[in-house]
């Protein structure tokens, strides 16, 4: 069991610090992906920066809402799975070593920060309400009935256009508000990155050394 734990933790460390798929998409994983996200959140000049990608009100709401879903609902457990992983490390520590407990505290703190980021995103997009519901209805019809629902899809598309105009006219945050929000999100991502780098240092000091030795 201790060997299996060390192997599992070593894999996690490797995926956080190095390639996962061994192709160009690897920049989106682990620490490089976290640093990339923080950079894009702060980037106000290039087309990959959030200020340009999600600069208009409706794309902004959808992008930020998607960030919440990916961190808390769909692709991970709440807190970007960090709290669950921290529980594993605490449970495994008696078999492997105290450094797992140290790393667990750091991952748990990071999980809290990821949840803060998700909560910030969710609070910001609550006003999207009707647009989200109509968009989901249209998408469901497109995939389930296709051309048989052409009239209904056309009506929903018209309604989405109306709602887009409403959201654009209201634009409660404005460009400056969005930039401030993105900066606050970047701060949280960088805080997570710092905690997790320290956690990996703790894990590498005991687990990887145990495997290689």
Protein backbone atom coordinates (compact mmCIF):
# COMPACT_ATOMS: atom_id res chain seq x y z
CA UNK A 1 0.00 0.00 0.00
CA UNK A 2 2.72 2.61 0.78
CA UNK A 3 4.31 1.96 -2.59
CA UNK A 4 0.97 2.36 -4.36
CA UNK A 5 0.38 5.64 -2.54
CA UNK A 6 3.83 6.93 -3.48
CA UNK A 7 3.28 5.97 -7.11
CA UNK A 8 -0.12 7.70 -7.19
CA UNK A 9 1.21 10.89 -5.62
CA UNK A 10 4.22 10.88 -7.93
CA UNK A 11 1.83 10.76 -10.90
CA UNK A 12 -0.10 13.74 -9.54
CA UNK A 13 3.12 15.70 -9.05
CA UNK A 14 4.26 14.82 -12.57
CA UNK A 15 0.98 15.96 -14.11
CA UNK A 16 1.00 19.23 -12.20
CA UNK A 17 4.58 20.06 -13.10
CA UNK A 18 5.05 18.49 -16.53
CA UNK A 19 3.34 17.16 -19.64
CA UNK A 20 0.16 15.11 -19.49
CA UNK A 21 -0.79 14.46 -23.12
CA UNK A 22 2.64 15.20 -24.59
CA UNK A 23 1.25 17.61 -27.18
CA UNK A 24 0.64 21.35 -27.51
CA UNK A 25 -2.50 21.16 -25.36
CA UNK A 26 -0.31 20.41 -22.32
CA UNK A 27 0.02 24.15 -21.69
CA UNK A 28 -3.57 24.02 -20.43
CA UNK A 29 -2.83 21.51 -17.66
CA UNK A 30 -1.23 21.73 -14.25
CA UNK A 31 0.83 24.69 -13.16
CA UNK A 32 1.38 25.90 -16.71
CA UNK A 33 -2.39 25.94 -17.26
CA UNK A 34 -2.97 27.84 -14.01
CA UNK A 35 -0.33 30.42 -14.92
CA UNK A 36 -1.82 30.69 -18.41
CA UNK A 37 -5.30 31.32 -17.00
CA UNK A 38 -4.02 34.04 -14.67
CA UNK A 39 -2.15 35.68 -17.53
CA UNK A 40 -5.17 35.61 -19.84
CA UNK A 41 -7.38 37.06 -17.11
CA UNK A 42 -4.99 40.03 -16.83
CA UNK A 43 -4.36 40.36 -20.56
CA UNK A 44 -6.15 43.42 -21.97
CA UNK A 45 -4.35 43.58 -25.33
CA UNK A 46 -4.33 40.26 -27.22
CA UNK A 47 -7.24 38.27 -28.59
CA UNK A 48 -6.60 35.42 -26.12
CA UNK A 49 -7.04 37.73 -23.14
CA UNK A 50 -10.36 37.63 -21.33
CA UNK A 51 -10.87 41.36 -21.84
CA UNK A 52 -11.23 40.76 -25.60
CA UNK A 53 -12.62 37.22 -25.60
CA UNK A 54 -15.35 38.08 -23.10
CA UNK A 55 -15.48 41.85 -23.49
CA UNK A 56 -19.12 42.12 -24.59
CA UNK A 57 -21.85 41.61 -21.96
CA UNK A 58 -23.33 38.31 -23.20
CA UNK A 59 -20.02 36.53 -23.99
CA UNK A 60 -18.80 37.79 -20.61
CA UNK A 61 -21.71 36.25 -18.76
CA UNK A 62 -21.35 32.95 -20.60
CA UNK A 63 -17.57 32.75 -20.10
CA UNK A 64 -17.75 33.54 -16.39
CA UNK A 65 -20.67 31.18 -15.85
CA UNK A 66 -18.74 28.43 -17.60
CA UNK A 67 -15.78 29.04 -15.30
CA UNK A 68 -18.03 28.40 -12.30
CA UNK A 69 -19.45 25.21 -13.82
CA UNK A 70 -16.01 23.80 -14.66
CA UNK A 71 -14.65 24.47 -11.16
CA UNK A 72 -17.59 23.30 -9.08
CA UNK A 73 -19.99 21.17 -11.10
CA UNK A 74 -18.99 19.38 -14.29
CA UNK A 75 -15.33 18.47 -14.68
CA UNK A 76 -14.33 18.32 -11.04
CA UNK A 77 -15.58 18.06 -7.49
CA UNK A 78 -16.18 21.35 -5.61
CA UNK A 79 -13.03 23.36 -4.98
CA UNK A 80 -11.49 21.95 -8.17
CA UNK A 81 -11.20 18.57 -6.36
CA UNK A 82 -8.45 19.90 -4.10
CA UNK A 83 -10.37 19.26 -0.83
CA UNK A 84 -10.98 15.63 -1.85
CA UNK A 85 -7.30 15.19 -2.67
CA UNK A 86 -6.36 16.77 0.67
CA UNK A 87 -8.53 14.18 2.44
CA UNK A 88 -6.70 11.42 0.58
CA UNK A 89 -3.32 12.81 1.62
CA UNK A 90 -4.37 13.06 5.27
CA UNK A 91 -5.59 9.47 5.21
CA UNK A 92 -2.42 8.25 3.51
CA UNK A 93 0.01 10.21 5.68
CA UNK A 94 0.33 7.59 8.47
CA UNK A 95 1.50 5.08 5.86
CA UNK A 96 3.89 7.35 3.97
CA UNK A 97 4.99 10.34 6.03
CA UNK A 98 4.14 13.69 7.58
CA UNK A 99 4.88 15.63 4.42
CA UNK A 100 1.57 14.41 3.04
CA UNK A 101 -0.18 16.16 5.92
CA UNK A 102 1.72 19.35 5.14
CA UNK A 103 0.74 19.10 1.48
CA UNK A 104 -2.86 18.32 2.41
CA UNK A 105 -3.20 21.61 4.29
CA UNK A 106 -1.87 23.50 1.29
CA UNK A 107 -4.19 21.75 -1.17
CA UNK A 108 -7.13 22.34 1.17
CA UNK A 109 -6.29 26.06 1.27
CA UNK A 110 -6.03 26.07 -2.52
CA UNK A 111 -9.44 24.39 -2.74
CA UNK A 112 -10.93 27.18 -0.64
CA UNK A 113 -9.48 29.72 -3.05
CA UNK A 114 -10.82 27.85 -6.09
CA UNK A 115 -14.27 27.86 -4.47
CA UNK A 116 -13.96 31.59 -3.77
CA UNK A 117 -13.18 32.09 -7.44
CA UNK A 118 -16.19 29.99 -8.46
CA UNK A 119 -18.47 31.85 -6.04
CA UNK A 120 -17.27 35.19 -7.40
CA UNK A 121 -18.07 34.01 -10.91
CA UNK A 122 -21.52 32.71 -9.94
CA UNK A 123 -22.48 35.86 -8.05
CA UNK A 124 -21.54 37.92 -11.09
CA UNK A 125 -23.69 36.01 -13.59
CA UNK A 126 -26.85 35.41 -11.60
CA UNK A 127 -28.53 38.13 -13.65
CA UNK A 128 -28.15 36.13 -16.86
CA UNK A 129 -31.20 34.08 -15.82
CA UNK A 130 -33.65 34.23 -18.72
CA UNK A 131 -30.97 34.27 -21.42
CA UNK A 132 -29.41 31.09 -20.08
CA UNK A 133 -32.75 29.31 -19.91
CA UNK A 134 -33.73 30.28 -23.46
CA UNK A 135 -30.30 29.34 -24.82
CA UNK A 136 -30.52 25.92 -23.17
CA UNK A 137 -34.04 25.37 -24.52
CA UNK A 138 -32.88 26.18 -28.04
CA UNK A 139 -29.87 23.91 -27.76
CA UNK A 140 -32.06 21.05 -26.53
CA UNK A 141 -34.39 21.45 -29.51
CA UNK A 142 -31.51 21.61 -31.99
CA UNK A 143 -30.09 18.31 -30.73
CA UNK A 144 -33.36 16.49 -30.05
CA UNK A 145 -35.65 17.52 -32.94
CA UNK A 146 -33.55 19.52 -35.40
CA UNK A 147 -35.50 20.76 -38.44
CA UNK A 148 -38.76 19.42 -37.03
CA UNK A 149 -38.57 22.21 -34.44
CA UNK A 150 -37.50 24.91 -36.90
CA UNK A 151 -40.32 27.32 -36.01
CA UNK A 152 -39.71 26.98 -32.28
CA UNK A 153 -35.95 27.37 -32.73
CA UNK A 154 -36.51 30.50 -34.83
CA UNK A 155 -38.71 32.00 -32.10
CA UNK A 156 -36.17 31.20 -29.40
CA UNK A 157 -33.43 32.73 -31.55
CA UNK A 158 -35.51 35.89 -31.86
CA UNK A 159 -35.98 35.97 -28.09
CA UNK A 160 -32.24 35.55 -27.56
CA UNK A 161 -31.59 38.52 -29.83
CA UNK A 162 -33.96 40.62 -27.72
CA UNK A 163 -32.33 39.54 -24.50
CA UNK A 164 -28.88 40.24 -25.94
CA UNK A 165 -29.93 43.80 -26.65
CA UNK A 166 -31.28 44.14 -23.11
CA UNK A 167 -28.10 42.81 -21.49
CA UNK A 168 -25.94 44.97 -23.74
CA UNK A 169 -27.97 48.08 -22.89
CA UNK A 170 -27.83 47.41 -19.14
CA UNK A 171 -24.18 46.30 -18.96
CA UNK A 172 -24.04 46.95 -15.22
CA UNK A 173 -20.31 46.18 -14.89
CA UNK A 174 -19.01 47.93 -17.95
CA UNK A 175 -15.54 47.42 -19.40
CA UNK A 176 -13.81 48.76 -16.29
CA UNK A 177 -15.87 46.53 -13.99
CA UNK A 178 -15.08 43.47 -16.06
CA UNK A 179 -11.38 44.26 -16.02
CA UNK A 180 -11.45 44.65 -12.22
CA UNK A 181 -13.29 41.35 -11.88
CA UNK A 182 -10.78 39.55 -14.11
CA UNK A 183 -7.92 40.99 -12.04
CA UNK A 184 -9.53 39.73 -8.82
CA UNK A 185 -9.96 36.30 -10.39
CA UNK A 186 -6.31 36.31 -11.49
CA UNK A 187 -5.26 37.09 -7.92
CA UNK A 188 -7.13 34.01 -6.70
CA UNK A 189 -5.67 31.77 -9.42
CA UNK A 190 -2.16 32.94 -8.54
CA UNK A 191 -2.83 32.29 -4.85
CA UNK A 192 -3.87 28.72 -5.72
CA UNK A 193 -0.79 28.30 -7.87
CA UNK A 194 1.51 29.42 -5.06
CA UNK A 195 -0.11 27.07 -2.52
CA UNK A 196 0.02 24.12 -4.87
CA UNK A 197 3.64 24.70 -5.80
CA UNK A 198 4.51 24.58 -2.10
CA UNK A 199 2.37 21.44 -1.77
CA UNK A 200 4.23 19.74 -4.60
CA UNK A 201 7.55 20.69 -3.03
CA UNK A 202 6.40 18.96 0.14
CA UNK A 203 5.21 15.89 -1.75
CA UNK A 204 8.35 15.63 -3.86
CA UNK A 205 10.58 15.76 -0.81
CA UNK A 206 9.16 12.51 0.55
CA UNK A 207 7.12 10.60 -2.04
CA UNK A 208 9.14 10.89 -5.24
CA UNK A 209 12.33 10.37 -3.33
CA UNK A 210 10.79 7.26 -1.81
CA UNK A 211 9.96 5.84 -5.21
CA UNK A 212 13.28 6.58 -6.84
CA UNK A 213 15.19 5.32 -3.86
